[in-house]
């Protein structure tokens, strides 16, 4: 489902596929490597509490993202007219 949610807008914007895939691949690699390195450091210090800490961090991130999206949509809506698809 995430791939469709990303693919439709990118296709509608007519962005070059190779450049988009390259950017996504690089970003995914860097964030994953950063998470692995940080996770190793946390694991050495906290041991078994690492999993719990990761769950709390993920929950907090999703809560912040959801709150931002709700605020952006309902509290601070953008009042720009939609362009024609013609």
PDB file of N, CA and C in Angstrom:
ATOM      1  N   UNK A   1       0.820  -1.187   0.000  1.00  0.00           N
ATOM      2  CA  UNK A   1       0.000   0.000   0.000  1.00  0.00           C
ATOM      3  C   UNK A   1       0.868   1.256   0.000  1.00  0.00           C
ATOM      4  N   UNK A   2       1.968   1.254   0.731  1.00  0.00           N
ATOM      5  CA  UNK A   2       2.846   2.421   0.764  1.00  0.00           C
ATOM      6  C   UNK A   2       3.412   2.729  -0.618  1.00  0.00           C
ATOM      7  N   UNK A   3       3.726   1.693  -1.366  1.00  0.00           N
ATOM      8  CA  UNK A   3       4.289   1.894  -2.699  1.00  0.00           C
ATOM      9  C   UNK A   3       3.293   2.586  -3.623  1.00  0.00           C
ATOM     10  N   UNK A   4       2.026   2.228  -3.507  1.00  0.00           N
ATOM     11  CA  UNK A   4       0.997   2.883  -4.329  1.00  0.00           C
ATOM     12  C   UNK A   4       0.843   4.340  -3.904  1.00  0.00           C
ATOM     13  N   UNK A   5       0.853   4.580  -2.595  1.00  0.00           N
ATOM     14  CA  UNK A   5       0.703   5.949  -2.095  1.00  0.00           C
ATOM     15  C   UNK A   5       1.850   6.833  -2.552  1.00  0.00           C
ATOM     16  N   UNK A   6       3.023   6.282  -2.712  1.00  0.00           N
ATOM     17  CA  UNK A   6       4.168   7.047  -3.198  1.00  0.00           C
ATOM     18  C   UNK A   6       4.159   7.114  -4.722  1.00  0.00           C
ATOM     19  N   UNK A   7       3.821   6.012  -5.365  1.00  0.00           N
ATOM     20  CA  UNK A   7       3.904   5.931  -6.821  1.00  0.00           C
ATOM     21  C   UNK A   7       2.946   6.839  -7.569  1.00  0.00           C
ATOM     22  N   UNK A   8       1.711   6.931  -7.117  1.00  0.00           N
ATOM     23  CA  UNK A   8       0.739   7.753  -7.836  1.00  0.00           C
ATOM     24  C   UNK A   8       1.148   9.226  -7.917  1.00  0.00           C
ATOM     25  N   UNK A   9       1.492   9.864  -6.799  1.00  0.00           N
ATOM     26  CA  UNK A   9       1.896  11.279  -6.910  1.00  0.00           C
ATOM     27  C   UNK A   9       3.168  11.471  -7.741  1.00  0.00           C
ATOM     28  N   UNK A  10       4.128  10.551  -7.592  1.00  0.00           N
ATOM     29  CA  UNK A  10       5.356  10.685  -8.373  1.00  0.00           C
ATOM     30  C   UNK A  10       5.075  10.536  -9.860  1.00  0.00           C
ATOM     31  N   UNK A  11       4.191   9.613 -10.201  1.00  0.00           N
ATOM     32  CA  UNK A  11       3.809   9.453 -11.602  1.00  0.00           C
ATOM     33  C   UNK A  11       3.045  10.656 -12.129  1.00  0.00           C
ATOM     34  N   UNK A  12       2.175  11.203 -11.296  1.00  0.00           N
ATOM     35  CA  UNK A  12       1.391  12.373 -11.700  1.00  0.00           C
ATOM     36  C   UNK A  12       2.277  13.595 -11.918  1.00  0.00           C
ATOM     37  N   UNK A  13       3.371  13.673 -11.152  1.00  0.00           N
ATOM     38  CA  UNK A  13       4.295  14.794 -11.309  1.00  0.00           C
ATOM     39  C   UNK A  13       5.273  14.581 -12.460  1.00  0.00           C
ATOM     40  N   UNK A  14       5.233  13.406 -13.058  1.00  0.00           N
ATOM     41  CA  UNK A  14       6.082  13.042 -14.201  1.00  0.00           C
ATOM     42  C   UNK A  14       7.572  13.180 -13.874  1.00  0.00           C
ATOM     43  N   UNK A  15       7.932  12.720 -12.679  1.00  0.00           N
ATOM     44  CA  UNK A  15       9.336  12.739 -12.280  1.00  0.00           C
ATOM     45  C   UNK A  15      10.072  11.580 -12.938  1.00  0.00           C
ATOM     46  N   UNK A  16      11.359  11.726 -13.224  1.00  0.00           N
ATOM     47  CA  UNK A  16      12.122  10.656 -13.858  1.00  0.00           C
ATOM     48  C   UNK A  16      12.255   9.459 -12.906  1.00  0.00           C
ATOM     49  N   UNK A  17      11.883   8.283 -13.388  1.00  0.00           N
ATOM     50  CA  UNK A  17      11.835   7.086 -12.549  1.00  0.00           C
ATOM     51  C   UNK A  17      13.208   6.746 -11.979  1.00  0.00           C
ATOM     52  N   UNK A  18      14.243   6.764 -12.807  1.00  0.00           N
ATOM     53  CA  UNK A  18      15.577   6.377 -12.353  1.00  0.00           C
ATOM     54  C   UNK A  18      16.074   7.296 -11.233  1.00  0.00           C
ATOM     55  N   UNK A  19      15.860   8.586 -11.371  1.00  0.00           N
ATOM     56  CA  UNK A  19      16.311   9.529 -10.344  1.00  0.00           C
ATOM     57  C   UNK A  19      15.545   9.336  -9.035  1.00  0.00           C
ATOM     58  N   UNK A  20      14.249   9.117  -9.133  1.00  0.00           N
ATOM     59  CA  UNK A  20      13.429   8.906  -7.941  1.00  0.00           C
ATOM     60  C   UNK A  20      13.840   7.616  -7.234  1.00  0.00           C
ATOM     61  N   UNK A  21      13.999   6.538  -7.994  1.00  0.00           N
ATOM     62  CA  UNK A  21      14.406   5.266  -7.398  1.00  0.00           C
ATOM     63  C   UNK A  21      15.792   5.372  -6.767  1.00  0.00           C
ATOM     64  N   UNK A  22      16.699   6.073  -7.423  1.00  0.00           N
ATOM     65  CA  UNK A  22      18.031   6.279  -6.861  1.00  0.00           C
ATOM     66  C   UNK A  22      17.981   7.053  -5.552  1.00  0.00           C
ATOM     67  N   UNK A  23      17.186   8.111  -5.519  1.00  0.00           N
ATOM     68  CA  UNK A  23      17.075   8.919  -4.300  1.00  0.00           C
ATOM     69  C   UNK A  23      16.456   8.115  -3.161  1.00  0.00           C
ATOM     70  N   UNK A  24      15.428   7.328  -3.471  1.00  0.00           N
ATOM     71  CA  UNK A  24      14.793   6.495  -2.450  1.00  0.00           C
ATOM     72  C   UNK A  24      15.776   5.446  -1.940  1.00  0.00           C
ATOM     73  N   UNK A  25      16.530   4.823  -2.841  1.00  0.00           N
ATOM     74  CA  UNK A  25      17.491   3.789  -2.448  1.00  0.00           C
ATOM     75  C   UNK A  25      18.585   4.368  -1.548  1.00  0.00           C
ATOM     76  N   UNK A  26      19.121   5.520  -1.914  1.00  0.00           N
ATOM     77  CA  UNK A  26      20.180   6.145  -1.113  1.00  0.00           C
ATOM     78  C   UNK A  26      19.648   6.539   0.265  1.00  0.00           C
ATOM     79  N   UNK A  27      18.479   7.143   0.305  1.00  0.00           N
ATOM     80  CA  UNK A  27      17.894   7.554   1.576  1.00  0.00           C
ATOM     81  C   UNK A  27      17.613   6.346   2.457  1.00  0.00           C
ATOM     82  N   UNK A  28      17.074   5.289   1.882  1.00  0.00           N
ATOM     83  CA  UNK A  28      16.778   4.078   2.643  1.00  0.00           C
ATOM     84  C   UNK A  28      18.048   3.465   3.204  1.00  0.00           C
ATOM     85  N   UNK A  29      19.082   3.381   2.393  1.00  0.00           N
ATOM     86  CA  UNK A  29      20.354   2.812   2.833  1.00  0.00           C
ATOM     87  C   UNK A  29      20.943   3.614   3.988  1.00  0.00           C
ATOM     88  N   UNK A  30      20.985   4.940   3.842  1.00  0.00           N
ATOM     89  CA  UNK A  30      21.594   5.787   4.871  1.00  0.00           C
ATOM     90  C   UNK A  30      20.833   5.724   6.195  1.00  0.00           C
ATOM     91  N   UNK A  31      19.507   5.780   6.121  1.00  0.00           N
ATOM     92  CA  UNK A  31      18.713   5.738   7.342  1.00  0.00           C
ATOM     93  C   UNK A  31      18.823   4.370   8.011  1.00  0.00           C
ATOM     94  N   UNK A  32      18.825   3.295   7.219  1.00  0.00           N
ATOM     95  CA  UNK A  32      18.956   1.952   7.775  1.00  0.00           C
ATOM     96  C   UNK A  32      20.313   1.773   8.442  1.00  0.00           C
ATOM     97  N   UNK A  33      21.375   2.199   7.778  1.00  0.00           N
ATOM     98  CA  UNK A  33      22.715   2.085   8.371  1.00  0.00           C
ATOM     99  C   UNK A  33      22.816   2.916   9.652  1.00  0.00           C
ATOM    100  N   UNK A  34      22.258   4.102   9.630  1.00  0.00           N
ATOM    101  CA  UNK A  34      22.258   4.926  10.840  1.00  0.00           C
ATOM    102  C   UNK A  34      21.516   4.241  11.978  1.00  0.00           C
ATOM    103  N   UNK A  35      20.376   3.646  11.668  1.00  0.00           N
ATOM    104  CA  UNK A  35      19.614   2.928  12.686  1.00  0.00           C
ATOM    105  C   UNK A  35      20.364   1.736  13.242  1.00  0.00           C
ATOM    106  N   UNK A  36      21.058   1.008  12.369  1.00  0.00           N
ATOM    107  CA  UNK A  36      21.848  -0.142  12.826  1.00  0.00           C
ATOM    108  C   UNK A  36      22.975   0.321  13.745  1.00  0.00           C
ATOM    109  N   UNK A  37      23.687   1.358  13.350  1.00  0.00           N
ATOM    110  CA  UNK A  37      24.797   1.845  14.166  1.00  0.00           C
ATOM    111  C   UNK A  37      24.322   2.384  15.512  1.00  0.00           C
ATOM    112  N   UNK A  38      23.244   3.143  15.500  1.00  0.00           N
ATOM    113  CA  UNK A  38      22.703   3.675  16.757  1.00  0.00           C
ATOM    114  C   UNK A  38      22.165   2.534  17.619  1.00  0.00           C
ATOM    115  N   UNK A  39      21.503   1.567  16.972  1.00  0.00           N
ATOM    116  CA  UNK A  39      20.979   0.421  17.710  1.00  0.00           C
ATOM    117  C   UNK A  39      22.063  -0.379  18.403  1.00  0.00           C
ATOM    118  N   UNK A  40      23.202  -0.544  17.765  1.00  0.00           N
ATOM    119  CA  UNK A  40      24.320  -1.259  18.394  1.00  0.00           C
ATOM    120  C   UNK A  40      24.812  -0.523  19.642  1.00  0.00           C
ATOM    121  N   UNK A  41      24.907   0.794  19.536  1.00  0.00           N
ATOM    122  CA  UNK A  41      25.367   1.581  20.682  1.00  0.00           C
ATOM    123  C   UNK A  41      24.363   1.506  21.836  1.00  0.00           C
ATOM    124  N   UNK A  42      23.100   1.605  21.508  1.00  0.00           N
ATOM    125  CA  UNK A  42      22.061   1.542  22.537  1.00  0.00           C
ATOM    126  C   UNK A  42      22.040   0.153  23.167  1.00  0.00           C
ATOM    127  N   UNK A  43      22.177  -0.883  22.343  1.00  0.00           N
ATOM    128  CA  UNK A  43      22.139  -2.253  22.846  1.00  0.00           C
ATOM    129  C   UNK A  43      23.270  -2.507  23.838  1.00  0.00           C
ATOM    130  N   UNK A  44      24.431  -1.971  23.568  1.00  0.00           N
ATOM    131  CA  UNK A  44      25.562  -2.151  24.474  1.00  0.00           C
ATOM    132  C   UNK A  44      25.302  -1.488  25.824  1.00  0.00           C
ATOM    133  N   UNK A  45      24.580  -0.399  25.813  1.00  0.00           N
ATOM    134  CA  UNK A  45      24.347   0.341  27.054  1.00  0.00           C
ATOM    135  C   UNK A  45      23.108  -0.141  27.806  1.00  0.00           C
ATOM    136  N   UNK A  46      22.066  -0.483  27.075  1.00  0.00           N
ATOM    137  CA  UNK A  46      20.799  -0.794  27.733  1.00  0.00           C
ATOM    138  C   UNK A  46      20.440  -2.278  27.724  1.00  0.00           C
ATOM    139  N   UNK A  47      21.096  -3.066  26.912  1.00  0.00           N
ATOM    140  CA  UNK A  47      20.815  -4.493  26.870  1.00  0.00           C
ATOM    141  C   UNK A  47      19.411  -4.796  26.385  1.00  0.00           C
ATOM    142  N   UNK A  48      18.636  -5.522  27.186  1.00  0.00           N
ATOM    143  CA  UNK A  48      17.307  -5.982  26.766  1.00  0.00           C
ATOM    144  C   UNK A  48      16.271  -4.873  26.718  1.00  0.00           C
ATOM    145  N   UNK A  49      16.557  -3.745  27.286  1.00  0.00           N
ATOM    146  CA  UNK A  49      15.604  -2.633  27.250  1.00  0.00           C
ATOM    147  C   UNK A  49      15.575  -1.949  25.886  1.00  0.00           C
ATOM    148  N   UNK A  50      16.480  -2.349  24.998  1.00  0.00           N
ATOM    149  CA  UNK A  50      16.579  -1.721  23.685  1.00  0.00           C
ATOM    150  C   UNK A  50      15.285  -1.854  22.896  1.00  0.00           C
ATOM    151  N   UNK A  51      14.678  -3.032  22.913  1.00  0.00           N
ATOM    152  CA  UNK A  51      13.448  -3.259  22.161  1.00  0.00           C
ATOM    153  C   UNK A  51      12.329  -2.346  22.658  1.00  0.00           C
ATOM    154  N   UNK A  52      12.221  -2.209  23.950  1.00  0.00           N
ATOM    155  CA  UNK A  52      11.198  -1.339  24.516  1.00  0.00           C
ATOM    156  C   UNK A  52      11.441   0.122  24.121  1.00  0.00           C
ATOM    157  N   UNK A  53      12.686   0.535  24.183  1.00  0.00           N
ATOM    158  CA  UNK A  53      13.042   1.897  23.798  1.00  0.00           C
ATOM    159  C   UNK A  53      12.728   2.147  22.319  1.00  0.00           C
ATOM    160  N   UNK A  54      13.007   1.158  21.471  1.00  0.00           N
ATOM    161  CA  UNK A  54      12.706   1.298  20.042  1.00  0.00           C
ATOM    162  C   UNK A  54      11.210   1.430  19.810  1.00  0.00           C
ATOM    163  N   UNK A  55      10.410   0.666  20.542  1.00  0.00           N
ATOM    164  CA  UNK A  55       8.956   0.772  20.419  1.00  0.00           C
ATOM    165  C   UNK A  55       8.442   2.128  20.842  1.00  0.00           C
ATOM    166  N   UNK A  56       8.992   2.645  21.921  1.00  0.00           N
ATOM    167  CA  UNK A  56       8.590   3.980  22.393  1.00  0.00           C
ATOM    168  C   UNK A  56       8.991   5.045  21.384  1.00  0.00           C
ATOM    169  N   UNK A  57      10.196   4.933  20.827  1.00  0.00           N
ATOM    170  CA  UNK A  57      10.663   5.909  19.836  1.00  0.00           C
ATOM    171  C   UNK A  57       9.793   5.868  18.584  1.00  0.00           C
ATOM    172  N   UNK A  58       9.466   4.654  18.112  1.00  0.00           N
ATOM    173  CA  UNK A  58       8.623   4.531  16.918  1.00  0.00           C
ATOM    174  C   UNK A  58       7.224   5.079  17.186  1.00  0.00           C
ATOM    175  N   UNK A  59       6.663   4.751  18.338  1.00  0.00           N
ATOM    176  CA  UNK A  59       5.342   5.268  18.683  1.00  0.00           C
ATOM    177  C   UNK A  59       5.320   6.779  18.764  1.00  0.00           C
ATOM    178  N   UNK A  60       6.351   7.350  19.352  1.00  0.00           N
ATOM    179  CA  UNK A  60       6.457   8.803  19.446  1.00  0.00           C
ATOM    180  C   UNK A  60       6.566   9.439  18.062  1.00  0.00           C
ATOM    181  N   UNK A  61       7.374   8.831  17.197  1.00  0.00           N
ATOM    182  CA  UNK A  61       7.534   9.365  15.836  1.00  0.00           C
ATOM    183  C   UNK A  61       6.208   9.332  15.081  1.00  0.00           C
ATOM    184  N   UNK A  62       5.478   8.216  15.179  1.00  0.00           N
ATOM    185  CA  UNK A  62       4.185   8.125  14.492  1.00  0.00           C
ATOM    186  C   UNK A  62       3.168   9.091  15.080  1.00  0.00           C
ATOM    187  N   UNK A  63       3.194   9.271  16.393  1.00  0.00           N
ATOM    188  CA  UNK A  63       2.286  10.219  17.030  1.00  0.00           C
ATOM    189  C   UNK A  63       2.568  11.647  16.563  1.00  0.00           C
ATOM    190  N   UNK A  64       3.849  12.013  16.505  1.00  0.00           N
ATOM    191  CA  UNK A  64       4.216  13.355  16.036  1.00  0.00           C
ATOM    192  C   UNK A  64       3.847  13.560  14.567  1.00  0.00           C
ATOM    193  N   UNK A  65       4.107  12.552  13.741  1.00  0.00           N
ATOM    194  CA  UNK A  65       3.766  12.662  12.324  1.00  0.00           C
ATOM    195  C   UNK A  65       2.257  12.792  12.135  1.00  0.00           C
ATOM    196  N   UNK A  66       1.500  11.954  12.841  1.00  0.00           N
ATOM    197  CA  UNK A  66       0.044  12.030  12.743  1.00  0.00           C
ATOM    198  C   UNK A  66      -0.494  13.369  13.204  1.00  0.00           C
ATOM    199  N   UNK A  67       0.050  13.873  14.301  1.00  0.00           N
ATOM    200  CA  UNK A  67      -0.380  15.178  14.808  1.00  0.00           C
ATOM    201  C   UNK A  67      -0.078  16.286  13.807  1.00  0.00           C
ATOM    202  N   UNK A  68       1.096  16.230  13.218  1.00  0.00           N
ATOM    203  CA  UNK A  68       1.466  17.228  12.212  1.00  0.00           C
ATOM    204  C   UNK A  68       0.505  17.188  11.028  1.00  0.00           C
ATOM    205  N   UNK A  69       0.209  15.985  10.539  1.00  0.00           N
ATOM    206  CA  UNK A  69      -0.681  15.857   9.385  1.00  0.00           C
ATOM    207  C   UNK A  69      -2.089  16.343   9.704  1.00  0.00           C
ATOM    208  N   UNK A  70      -2.578  16.049  10.898  1.00  0.00           N
ATOM    209  CA  UNK A  70      -3.904  16.522  11.290  1.00  0.00           C
ATOM    210  C   UNK A  70      -3.917  18.042  11.399  1.00  0.00           C
ATOM    211  N   UNK A  71      -2.899  18.606  12.034  1.00  0.00           N
ATOM    212  CA  UNK A  71      -2.829  20.061  12.151  1.00  0.00           C
ATOM    213  C   UNK A  71      -2.732  20.720  10.781  1.00  0.00           C
ATOM    214  N   UNK A  72      -1.915  20.150   9.917  1.00  0.00           N
ATOM    215  CA  UNK A  72      -1.747  20.708   8.578  1.00  0.00           C
ATOM    216  C   UNK A  72      -3.056  20.652   7.790  1.00  0.00           C
ATOM    217  N   UNK A  73      -3.804  19.596   7.965  1.00  0.00           N
ATOM    218  CA  UNK A  73      -5.028  19.397   7.193  1.00  0.00           C
ATOM    219  C   UNK A  73      -6.188  20.247   7.709  1.00  0.00           C
ATOM    220  N   UNK A  74      -6.376  20.292   9.037  1.00  0.00           N
ATOM    221  CA  UNK A  74      -7.580  20.897   9.583  1.00  0.00           C
ATOM    222  C   UNK A  74      -7.360  22.254  10.255  1.00  0.00           C
ATOM    223  N   UNK A  75      -6.203  22.481  10.828  1.00  0.00           N
ATOM    224  CA  UNK A  75      -5.981  23.732  11.538  1.00  0.00           C
ATOM    225  C   UNK A  75      -5.347  24.786  10.638  1.00  0.00           C
ATOM    226  N   UNK A  76      -4.379  24.366   9.823  1.00  0.00           N
ATOM    227  CA  UNK A  76      -3.680  25.291   8.928  1.00  0.00           C
ATOM    228  C   UNK A  76      -3.813  24.835   7.480  1.00  0.00           C
ATOM    229  N   UNK A  77      -5.043  24.767   6.958  1.00  0.00           N
ATOM    230  CA  UNK A  77      -5.198  24.277   5.580  1.00  0.00           C
ATOM    231  C   UNK A  77      -4.642  25.271   4.568  1.00  0.00           C
ATOM    232  N   UNK A  78      -4.156  24.733   3.487  1.00  0.00           N
ATOM    233  CA  UNK A  78      -3.661  25.563   2.392  1.00  0.00           C
ATOM    234  C   UNK A  78      -4.844  25.865   1.482  1.00  0.00           C
ATOM    235  N   UNK A  79      -5.078  27.130   1.242  1.00  0.00           N
ATOM    236  CA  UNK A  79      -6.236  27.528   0.453  1.00  0.00           C
ATOM    237  C   UNK A  79      -5.863  27.875  -0.971  1.00  0.00           C
ATOM    238  N   UNK A  80      -5.060  27.028  -1.592  1.00  0.00           N
ATOM    239  CA  UNK A  80      -4.664  27.245  -2.975  1.00  0.00           C
ATOM    240  C   UNK A  80      -5.661  26.544  -3.886  1.00  0.00           C
ATOM    241  N   UNK A  81      -6.034  27.189  -4.983  1.00  0.00           N
ATOM    242  CA  UNK A  81      -6.965  26.533  -5.911  1.00  0.00           C
ATOM    243  C   UNK A  81      -6.277  25.349  -6.602  1.00  0.00           C
ATOM    244  N   UNK A  82      -7.058  24.326  -6.869  1.00  0.00           N
ATOM    245  CA  UNK A  82      -6.535  23.152  -7.559  1.00  0.00           C
ATOM    246  C   UNK A  82      -6.349  23.452  -9.039  1.00  0.00           C
ATOM    247  N   UNK A  83      -5.247  22.936  -9.602  1.00  0.00           N
ATOM    248  CA  UNK A  83      -5.014  23.119 -11.033  1.00  0.00           C
ATOM    249  C   UNK A  83      -5.841  22.122 -11.818  1.00  0.00           C
ATOM    250  N   UNK A  84      -6.157  22.483 -13.016  1.00  0.00           N
ATOM    251  CA  UNK A  84      -6.885  21.582 -13.886  1.00  0.00           C
ATOM    252  C   UNK A  84      -5.975  20.461 -14.345  1.00  0.00           C
ATOM    253  N   UNK A  85      -6.511  19.263 -14.497  1.00  0.00           N
ATOM    254  CA  UNK A  85      -5.724  18.110 -14.939  1.00  0.00           C
ATOM    255  C   UNK A  85      -5.649  18.005 -16.452  1.00  0.00           C
ATOM    256  N   UNK A  86      -6.106  19.001 -17.164  1.00  0.00           N
ATOM    257  CA  UNK A  86      -6.119  18.953 -18.628  1.00  0.00           C
ATOM    258  C   UNK A  86      -4.755  19.240 -19.198  1.00  0.00           C
TER     259      UNK A  86
END
